[in-house]
Amino acid sequence: MAGASGRVLVVDDNKVIRQLIRVNLELEGFEVVTAADGAECLEIVHSVRPDVITLDVVMPRLDGARTAARLRSDPRTRGLGIVMVSAGPLPEGVADAYLAKPFEPAELVETVRRLVHRAAGTCTGTGTGTTGTTGTAATPGPPPEDHPSGRTPAHPGA
């Protein structure tokens, strides 16, 4: 059963960071599943069916940027909200939002919540949340012609 606020797949090779993100999201009512790297994320994403994925950038086996690219290339996952979280340089154009480590927990929760609400409005993930949000202030998702709903997702300035 999905959490009242949505389901999030947290992907980070650092167990402490995974737990930190998990606890902060669970306290806000999200259901959280974790993976240790991009390869594990891709192995479980279809069974977990998250609304949003948080991805560290630097990870063994498969880094966050390559994981995000693979998620975007799969029609079943291209509409998922992706938040890149990293202490290093953040790659542009592969995620819906970016958070630099260290991040404020409230900023993490708000970013994930916005993406869950956007997902609910575009028929991706588990469908929890409400519709009518304006998306994130970060880089927009896939172009309208690639969007699974056939509609243009709402983005600031659009």
N, C-alpha and C. Protein backbone atom coordinates (compact mmCIF):
# COMPACT_ATOMS: atom_id res chain seq x y z
N MET A 1 0.84 -1.19 0.00
CA MET A 1 0.00 0.00 0.00
C MET A 1 0.88 1.24 0.00
N ALA A 2 0.62 2.17 -0.89
CA ALA A 2 1.41 3.39 -0.96
C ALA A 2 1.12 4.28 0.23
N GLY A 3 2.12 5.07 0.62
CA GLY A 3 1.92 6.03 1.68
C GLY A 3 0.89 7.06 1.25
N ALA A 4 0.29 7.74 2.23
CA ALA A 4 -0.74 8.73 1.94
C ALA A 4 -0.21 9.84 1.04
N SER A 5 1.09 10.10 1.09
CA SER A 5 1.67 11.18 0.30
C SER A 5 2.32 10.71 -0.99
N GLY A 6 2.51 9.42 -1.20
CA GLY A 6 3.14 8.91 -2.40
C GLY A 6 4.28 7.96 -2.09
N ARG A 7 4.80 7.36 -3.14
CA ARG A 7 5.88 6.37 -3.00
C ARG A 7 7.15 6.93 -3.63
N VAL A 8 8.27 6.81 -2.88
CA VAL A 8 9.55 7.35 -3.33
C VAL A 8 10.59 6.25 -3.31
N LEU A 9 11.37 6.16 -4.38
CA LEU A 9 12.51 5.25 -4.44
C LEU A 9 13.76 6.10 -4.22
N VAL A 10 14.47 5.85 -3.12
CA VAL A 10 15.66 6.61 -2.74
C VAL A 10 16.88 5.80 -3.15
N VAL A 11 17.74 6.38 -4.00
CA VAL A 11 18.90 5.68 -4.54
C VAL A 11 20.17 6.44 -4.16
N ASP A 12 20.98 5.82 -3.31
CA ASP A 12 22.24 6.43 -2.88
C ASP A 12 23.14 5.32 -2.37
N ASP A 13 24.43 5.36 -2.71
CA ASP A 13 25.35 4.32 -2.26
C ASP A 13 25.75 4.49 -0.80
N ASN A 14 25.48 5.66 -0.21
CA ASN A 14 25.81 5.91 1.18
C ASN A 14 24.60 5.55 2.05
N LYS A 15 24.77 4.51 2.88
CA LYS A 15 23.66 4.03 3.71
C LYS A 15 23.13 5.10 4.65
N VAL A 16 24.01 5.93 5.20
CA VAL A 16 23.58 6.99 6.12
C VAL A 16 22.69 8.01 5.40
N ILE A 17 23.08 8.38 4.18
CA ILE A 17 22.28 9.33 3.40
C ILE A 17 20.94 8.70 3.04
N ARG A 18 20.94 7.43 2.62
CA ARG A 18 19.67 6.74 2.32
C ARG A 18 18.74 6.80 3.52
N GLN A 19 19.28 6.51 4.70
CA GLN A 19 18.46 6.51 5.91
C GLN A 19 17.97 7.91 6.25
N LEU A 20 18.84 8.92 6.09
CA LEU A 20 18.45 10.30 6.37
C LEU A 20 17.29 10.72 5.47
N ILE A 21 17.40 10.44 4.19
CA ILE A 21 16.33 10.79 3.25
C ILE A 21 15.07 9.99 3.58
N ARG A 22 15.25 8.70 3.84
CA ARG A 22 14.11 7.84 4.15
C ARG A 22 13.33 8.34 5.37
N VAL A 23 14.03 8.63 6.45
CA VAL A 23 13.36 9.07 7.69
C VAL A 23 12.61 10.38 7.46
N ASN A 24 13.26 11.33 6.79
CA ASN A 24 12.60 12.62 6.55
C ASN A 24 11.34 12.47 5.70
N LEU A 25 11.38 11.62 4.70
CA LEU A 25 10.20 11.42 3.86
C LEU A 25 9.11 10.62 4.58
N GLU A 26 9.51 9.59 5.33
CA GLU A 26 8.52 8.80 6.06
C GLU A 26 7.80 9.63 7.12
N LEU A 27 8.52 10.54 7.76
CA LEU A 27 7.89 11.42 8.75
C LEU A 27 6.80 12.30 8.12
N GLU A 28 6.89 12.52 6.83
CA GLU A 28 5.90 13.33 6.11
C GLU A 28 4.84 12.47 5.42
N GLY A 29 4.84 11.16 5.69
CA GLY A 29 3.80 10.29 5.18
C GLY A 29 4.10 9.57 3.88
N PHE A 30 5.32 9.72 3.35
CA PHE A 30 5.68 9.02 2.12
C PHE A 30 6.06 7.57 2.42
N GLU A 31 5.75 6.69 1.49
CA GLU A 31 6.26 5.32 1.55
C GLU A 31 7.60 5.35 0.84
N VAL A 32 8.63 4.76 1.45
CA VAL A 32 9.98 4.85 0.89
C VAL A 32 10.57 3.46 0.71
N VAL A 33 11.16 3.24 -0.47
CA VAL A 33 11.92 2.04 -0.79
C VAL A 33 13.31 2.54 -1.17
N THR A 34 14.35 1.78 -0.80
CA THR A 34 15.71 2.24 -1.08
C THR A 34 16.46 1.28 -1.99
N ALA A 35 17.46 1.84 -2.68
CA ALA A 35 18.37 1.07 -3.52
C ALA A 35 19.77 1.64 -3.33
N ALA A 36 20.79 0.80 -3.42
CA ALA A 36 22.17 1.21 -3.14
C ALA A 36 22.90 1.82 -4.33
N ASP A 37 22.36 1.66 -5.54
CA ASP A 37 23.00 2.26 -6.71
C ASP A 37 22.03 2.22 -7.89
N GLY A 38 22.47 2.80 -9.01
CA GLY A 38 21.61 2.88 -10.17
C GLY A 38 21.21 1.53 -10.74
N ALA A 39 22.12 0.57 -10.71
CA ALA A 39 21.79 -0.76 -11.23
C ALA A 39 20.66 -1.39 -10.41
N GLU A 40 20.73 -1.28 -9.09
CA GLU A 40 19.66 -1.82 -8.25
C GLU A 40 18.36 -1.07 -8.49
N CYS A 41 18.44 0.24 -8.68
CA CYS A 41 17.25 1.03 -8.99
C CYS A 41 16.54 0.48 -10.22
N LEU A 42 17.31 0.24 -11.28
CA LEU A 42 16.71 -0.25 -12.52
C LEU A 42 16.14 -1.66 -12.36
N GLU A 43 16.73 -2.45 -11.46
CA GLU A 43 16.24 -3.81 -11.21
C GLU A 43 14.88 -3.80 -10.53
N ILE A 44 14.62 -2.80 -9.67
CA ILE A 44 13.40 -2.83 -8.86
C ILE A 44 12.34 -1.79 -9.23
N VAL A 45 12.67 -0.85 -10.10
CA VAL A 45 11.76 0.27 -10.35
C VAL A 45 10.39 -0.19 -10.85
N HIS A 46 10.32 -1.23 -11.67
CA HIS A 46 9.03 -1.65 -12.22
C HIS A 46 8.16 -2.35 -11.18
N SER A 47 8.77 -3.02 -10.21
CA SER A 47 7.97 -3.65 -9.16
C SER A 47 7.61 -2.65 -8.06
N VAL A 48 8.47 -1.67 -7.81
CA VAL A 48 8.20 -0.68 -6.76
C VAL A 48 7.17 0.34 -7.23
N ARG A 49 7.21 0.72 -8.50
CA ARG A 49 6.31 1.71 -9.09
C ARG A 49 6.27 3.00 -8.28
N PRO A 50 7.42 3.67 -8.15
CA PRO A 50 7.45 4.91 -7.38
C PRO A 50 6.81 6.07 -8.13
N ASP A 51 6.43 7.10 -7.38
CA ASP A 51 5.98 8.36 -7.98
C ASP A 51 7.19 9.23 -8.28
N VAL A 52 8.21 9.14 -7.41
CA VAL A 52 9.41 9.97 -7.51
C VAL A 52 10.62 9.12 -7.17
N ILE A 53 11.75 9.42 -7.80
CA ILE A 53 13.02 8.77 -7.49
C ILE A 53 14.03 9.85 -7.11
N THR A 54 14.71 9.67 -5.97
CA THR A 54 15.84 10.54 -5.64
C THR A 54 17.10 9.76 -6.02
N LEU A 55 18.00 10.43 -6.74
CA LEU A 55 19.21 9.77 -7.24
C LEU A 55 20.45 10.54 -6.82
N ASP A 56 21.39 9.85 -6.18
CA ASP A 56 22.71 10.41 -5.98
C ASP A 56 23.38 10.43 -7.35
N VAL A 57 24.35 11.31 -7.55
CA VAL A 57 25.02 11.38 -8.84
C VAL A 57 26.16 10.36 -8.91
N VAL A 58 27.05 10.37 -7.92
CA VAL A 58 28.23 9.50 -7.95
C VAL A 58 27.93 8.22 -7.17
N MET A 59 27.83 7.11 -7.92
CA MET A 59 27.55 5.80 -7.32
C MET A 59 28.31 4.73 -8.10
N PRO A 60 28.62 3.60 -7.45
CA PRO A 60 29.28 2.50 -8.16
C PRO A 60 28.31 1.82 -9.14
N ARG A 61 28.84 1.02 -10.00
CA ARG A 61 28.12 0.25 -11.03
C ARG A 61 27.42 1.14 -12.05
N LEU A 62 26.50 1.98 -11.62
CA LEU A 62 25.76 2.84 -12.55
C LEU A 62 25.46 4.15 -11.85
N ASP A 63 26.03 5.25 -12.35
CA ASP A 63 25.86 6.54 -11.68
C ASP A 63 24.46 7.12 -11.90
N GLY A 64 24.18 8.21 -11.20
CA GLY A 64 22.85 8.81 -11.25
C GLY A 64 22.47 9.36 -12.60
N ALA A 65 23.40 10.01 -13.29
CA ALA A 65 23.08 10.59 -14.60
C ALA A 65 22.73 9.50 -15.61
N ARG A 66 23.51 8.41 -15.64
CA ARG A 66 23.22 7.32 -16.57
C ARG A 66 21.93 6.59 -16.17
N THR A 67 21.68 6.48 -14.87
CA THR A 67 20.43 5.86 -14.40
C THR A 67 19.24 6.71 -14.86
N ALA A 68 19.33 8.02 -14.67
CA ALA A 68 18.25 8.91 -15.09
C ALA A 68 18.02 8.81 -16.59
N ALA A 69 19.10 8.76 -17.36
CA ALA A 69 18.96 8.65 -18.81
C ALA A 69 18.24 7.36 -19.20
N ARG A 70 18.55 6.27 -18.53
CA ARG A 70 17.87 4.99 -18.83
C ARG A 70 16.41 5.04 -18.42
N LEU A 71 16.12 5.68 -17.29
CA LEU A 71 14.72 5.82 -16.87
C LEU A 71 13.95 6.66 -17.88
N ARG A 72 14.57 7.71 -18.40
CA ARG A 72 13.91 8.58 -19.38
C ARG A 72 13.72 7.89 -20.73
N SER A 73 14.57 6.91 -21.05
CA SER A 73 14.46 6.23 -22.34
C SER A 73 13.42 5.11 -22.32
N ASP A 74 12.95 4.72 -21.15
CA ASP A 74 11.97 3.64 -21.02
C ASP A 74 10.57 4.26 -20.94
N PRO A 75 9.68 3.92 -21.88
CA PRO A 75 8.33 4.51 -21.87
C PRO A 75 7.58 4.28 -20.55
N ARG A 76 7.91 3.20 -19.84
CA ARG A 76 7.22 2.91 -18.58
C ARG A 76 7.67 3.81 -17.44
N THR A 77 8.86 4.42 -17.55
CA THR A 77 9.40 5.21 -16.44
C THR A 77 9.75 6.65 -16.83
N ARG A 78 9.59 7.01 -18.09
CA ARG A 78 10.05 8.34 -18.50
C ARG A 78 9.30 9.48 -17.83
N GLY A 79 8.09 9.25 -17.35
CA GLY A 79 7.32 10.32 -16.70
C GLY A 79 7.53 10.42 -15.20
N LEU A 80 8.36 9.54 -14.63
CA LEU A 80 8.60 9.60 -13.18
C LEU A 80 9.36 10.87 -12.81
N GLY A 81 9.02 11.44 -11.66
CA GLY A 81 9.77 12.58 -11.15
C GLY A 81 11.14 12.12 -10.68
N ILE A 82 12.18 12.83 -11.08
CA ILE A 82 13.54 12.49 -10.66
C ILE A 82 14.18 13.70 -9.98
N VAL A 83 14.70 13.46 -8.78
CA VAL A 83 15.43 14.48 -8.04
C VAL A 83 16.87 14.01 -7.92
N MET A 84 17.80 14.78 -8.48
CA MET A 84 19.22 14.48 -8.34
C MET A 84 19.71 15.13 -7.05
N VAL A 85 20.41 14.33 -6.23
CA VAL A 85 20.93 14.80 -4.94
C VAL A 85 22.42 14.48 -4.91
N SER A 86 23.27 15.52 -4.77
CA SER A 86 24.69 15.24 -4.81
C SER A 86 25.51 16.33 -4.13
N ALA A 87 26.66 15.93 -3.61
CA ALA A 87 27.62 16.88 -3.05
C ALA A 87 28.51 17.45 -4.14
N GLY A 88 28.57 16.80 -5.28
CA GLY A 88 29.42 17.24 -6.38
C GLY A 88 28.62 18.01 -7.41
N PRO A 89 29.22 18.20 -8.58
CA PRO A 89 28.53 18.89 -9.67
C PRO A 89 27.25 18.13 -10.05
N LEU A 90 26.20 18.87 -10.32
CA LEU A 90 24.93 18.27 -10.68
C LEU A 90 24.76 18.34 -12.20
N PRO A 91 24.57 17.18 -12.85
CA PRO A 91 24.38 17.19 -14.30
C PRO A 91 23.06 17.87 -14.65
N GLU A 92 23.07 18.65 -15.72
CA GLU A 92 21.85 19.36 -16.11
C GLU A 92 21.08 18.59 -17.17
N GLY A 93 19.78 18.78 -17.17
CA GLY A 93 18.94 18.23 -18.22
C GLY A 93 18.50 16.80 -18.06
N VAL A 94 18.86 16.14 -16.95
CA VAL A 94 18.46 14.74 -16.80
C VAL A 94 17.45 14.53 -15.68
N ALA A 95 17.16 15.56 -14.91
CA ALA A 95 16.25 15.40 -13.77
C ALA A 95 15.25 16.54 -13.75
N ASP A 96 14.23 16.37 -12.92
CA ASP A 96 13.20 17.39 -12.76
C ASP A 96 13.57 18.41 -11.70
N ALA A 97 14.44 18.02 -10.77
CA ALA A 97 14.87 18.90 -9.69
C ALA A 97 16.24 18.47 -9.22
N TYR A 98 16.96 19.41 -8.61
CA TYR A 98 18.32 19.17 -8.13
C TYR A 98 18.45 19.70 -6.72
N LEU A 99 19.09 18.89 -5.85
CA LEU A 99 19.40 19.32 -4.48
C LEU A 99 20.87 19.06 -4.22
N ALA A 100 21.57 20.07 -3.74
CA ALA A 100 22.98 19.93 -3.40
C ALA A 100 23.10 19.46 -1.96
N LYS A 101 23.98 18.48 -1.72
CA LYS A 101 24.28 18.05 -0.35
C LYS A 101 25.28 19.03 0.23
N PRO A 102 25.15 19.43 1.48
CA PRO A 102 24.05 19.08 2.38
C PRO A 102 22.79 19.87 2.01
N PHE A 103 21.65 19.24 2.16
CA PHE A 103 20.39 19.86 1.83
C PHE A 103 19.56 20.03 3.09
N GLU A 104 18.62 20.94 3.04
CA GLU A 104 17.68 21.12 4.15
C GLU A 104 16.58 20.06 3.99
N PRO A 105 16.28 19.31 5.05
CA PRO A 105 15.22 18.30 4.95
C PRO A 105 13.89 18.87 4.44
N ALA A 106 13.54 20.08 4.87
CA ALA A 106 12.28 20.67 4.42
C ALA A 106 12.28 20.90 2.91
N GLU A 107 13.43 21.28 2.36
CA GLU A 107 13.55 21.48 0.92
C GLU A 107 13.39 20.15 0.17
N LEU A 108 13.99 19.10 0.70
CA LEU A 108 13.85 17.77 0.12
C LEU A 108 12.38 17.36 0.09
N VAL A 109 11.71 17.48 1.23
CA VAL A 109 10.31 17.07 1.33
C VAL A 109 9.44 17.88 0.38
N GLU A 110 9.63 19.18 0.33
CA GLU A 110 8.82 20.02 -0.55
C GLU A 110 9.06 19.69 -2.02
N THR A 111 10.29 19.45 -2.39
CA THR A 111 10.62 19.09 -3.78
C THR A 111 9.95 17.77 -4.16
N VAL A 112 10.08 16.77 -3.30
CA VAL A 112 9.46 15.47 -3.57
C VAL A 112 7.94 15.61 -3.62
N ARG A 113 7.38 16.37 -2.71
CA ARG A 113 5.92 16.55 -2.69
C ARG A 113 5.43 17.18 -4.00
N ARG A 114 6.13 18.20 -4.49
CA ARG A 114 5.73 18.84 -5.76
C ARG A 114 5.76 17.84 -6.91
N LEU A 115 6.80 17.01 -6.94
CA LEU A 115 6.91 16.04 -8.03
C LEU A 115 5.86 14.93 -7.91
N VAL A 116 5.52 14.52 -6.71
CA VAL A 116 4.45 13.53 -6.52
C VAL A 116 3.13 14.11 -7.02
N HIS A 117 2.86 15.35 -6.67
CA HIS A 117 1.61 15.98 -7.12
C HIS A 117 1.59 16.11 -8.64
N ARG A 118 2.74 16.46 -9.23
CA ARG A 118 2.81 16.55 -10.68
C ARG A 118 2.55 15.18 -11.30
N ALA A 119 3.14 14.13 -10.71
CA ALA A 119 2.95 12.78 -11.23
C ALA A 119 1.49 12.37 -11.17
N ALA A 120 0.80 12.75 -10.11
CA ALA A 120 -0.62 12.42 -9.99
C ALA A 120 -1.43 13.08 -11.09
N GLY A 121 -1.00 14.24 -11.52
CA GLY A 121 -1.70 14.96 -12.58
C GLY A 121 -1.37 14.47 -13.97
N THR A 122 -0.32 13.63 -14.09
CA THR A 122 0.06 13.14 -15.41
C THR A 122 0.00 11.63 -15.51
N CYS A 123 -0.70 10.98 -14.59
CA CYS A 123 -0.97 9.56 -14.67
C CYS A 123 0.28 8.70 -14.64
N THR A 124 1.27 9.02 -13.79
CA THR A 124 2.44 8.17 -13.64
C THR A 124 2.50 7.69 -12.22
N GLY A 125 3.29 6.68 -11.98
CA GLY A 125 3.49 6.18 -10.61
C GLY A 125 2.21 5.58 -10.06
N THR A 126 1.99 5.78 -8.76
CA THR A 126 0.86 5.16 -8.10
C THR A 126 -0.39 6.01 -8.13
N GLY A 127 -0.29 7.28 -8.58
CA GLY A 127 -1.47 8.10 -8.71
C GLY A 127 -1.93 8.73 -7.41
N THR A 128 -1.08 8.82 -6.42
CA THR A 128 -1.47 9.45 -5.17
C THR A 128 -1.28 10.94 -5.27
N GLY A 129 -1.82 11.69 -4.36
CA GLY A 129 -1.63 13.14 -4.34
C GLY A 129 -2.77 13.85 -5.03
N THR A 130 -2.56 15.15 -5.30
CA THR A 130 -3.60 15.94 -5.93
C THR A 130 -3.09 16.50 -7.24
N THR A 131 -4.00 17.00 -8.07
CA THR A 131 -3.62 17.57 -9.35
C THR A 131 -3.59 19.08 -9.26
N GLY A 132 -3.09 19.69 -10.31
CA GLY A 132 -3.16 21.14 -10.41
C GLY A 132 -1.96 21.88 -9.86
N THR A 133 -0.84 21.22 -9.60
CA THR A 133 0.34 21.93 -9.13
C THR A 133 1.10 22.49 -10.32
N THR A 134 2.07 23.34 -10.05
CA THR A 134 2.80 23.98 -11.13
C THR A 134 4.14 23.33 -11.40
N GLY A 135 4.43 22.18 -10.84
CA GLY A 135 5.71 21.52 -11.08
C GLY A 135 6.81 22.11 -10.23
N THR A 136 8.07 21.88 -10.63
CA THR A 136 9.19 22.37 -9.85
C THR A 136 9.82 23.58 -10.51
N ALA A 137 10.65 24.26 -9.77
CA ALA A 137 11.35 25.41 -10.31
C ALA A 137 12.64 24.98 -10.99
N ALA A 138 12.87 23.69 -11.11
CA ALA A 138 14.11 23.18 -11.70
C ALA A 138 13.90 22.89 -13.18
N THR A 139 14.86 22.18 -13.75
CA THR A 139 14.83 21.85 -15.16
C THR A 139 13.56 21.07 -15.50
N PRO A 140 12.88 21.42 -16.59
CA PRO A 140 11.66 20.71 -16.97
C PRO A 140 11.92 19.26 -17.35
N GLY A 141 10.85 18.46 -17.34
CA GLY A 141 10.92 17.05 -17.70
C GLY A 141 11.00 16.88 -19.21
N PRO A 142 10.53 15.72 -19.71
CA PRO A 142 10.64 15.42 -21.13
C PRO A 142 9.81 16.38 -21.97
N PRO A 143 10.17 16.56 -23.23
CA PRO A 143 9.38 17.42 -24.11
C PRO A 143 7.96 16.89 -24.24
N PRO A 144 6.99 17.76 -24.57
CA PRO A 144 5.59 17.35 -24.61
C PRO A 144 5.34 16.14 -25.49
N GLU A 145 6.02 16.05 -26.64
CA GLU A 145 5.75 14.92 -27.53
C GLU A 145 6.20 13.60 -26.93
N ASP A 146 7.11 13.64 -25.96
CA ASP A 146 7.59 12.43 -25.30
C ASP A 146 6.84 12.13 -24.01
N HIS A 147 6.00 13.05 -23.56
CA HIS A 147 5.34 12.86 -22.28
C HIS A 147 4.28 11.77 -22.38
N PRO A 148 4.25 10.82 -21.42
CA PRO A 148 3.36 9.66 -21.53
C PRO A 148 1.89 10.02 -21.59
N SER A 149 1.47 11.15 -21.03
CA SER A 149 0.05 11.50 -21.04
C SER A 149 -0.35 12.20 -22.33
N GLY A 150 0.68 12.62 -23.13
CA GLY A 150 0.38 13.35 -24.33
C GLY A 150 0.12 14.82 -24.05
N ARG A 151 0.15 15.24 -22.78
CA ARG A 151 -0.07 16.63 -22.41
C ARG A 151 1.26 17.25 -21.99
N THR A 152 1.34 18.52 -22.07
CA THR A 152 2.52 19.22 -21.60
C THR A 152 2.42 19.36 -20.09
N PRO A 153 3.45 18.87 -19.33
CA PRO A 153 3.40 19.06 -17.88
C PRO A 153 3.52 20.54 -17.55
N ALA A 154 2.90 20.93 -16.44
CA ALA A 154 2.96 22.33 -16.02
C ALA A 154 4.32 22.65 -15.47
N HIS A 155 4.93 23.72 -15.95
CA HIS A 155 6.23 24.18 -15.45
C HIS A 155 6.18 25.68 -15.32
N PRO A 156 6.87 26.25 -14.36
CA PRO A 156 6.91 27.70 -14.23
C PRO A 156 7.43 28.32 -15.53
N GLY A 157 6.81 29.39 -15.92
CA GLY A 157 7.22 30.10 -17.12
C GLY A 157 6.68 29.50 -18.40
N ALA A 158 5.93 28.41 -18.29
CA ALA A 158 5.39 27.76 -19.50
C ALA A 158 4.07 28.38 -19.89
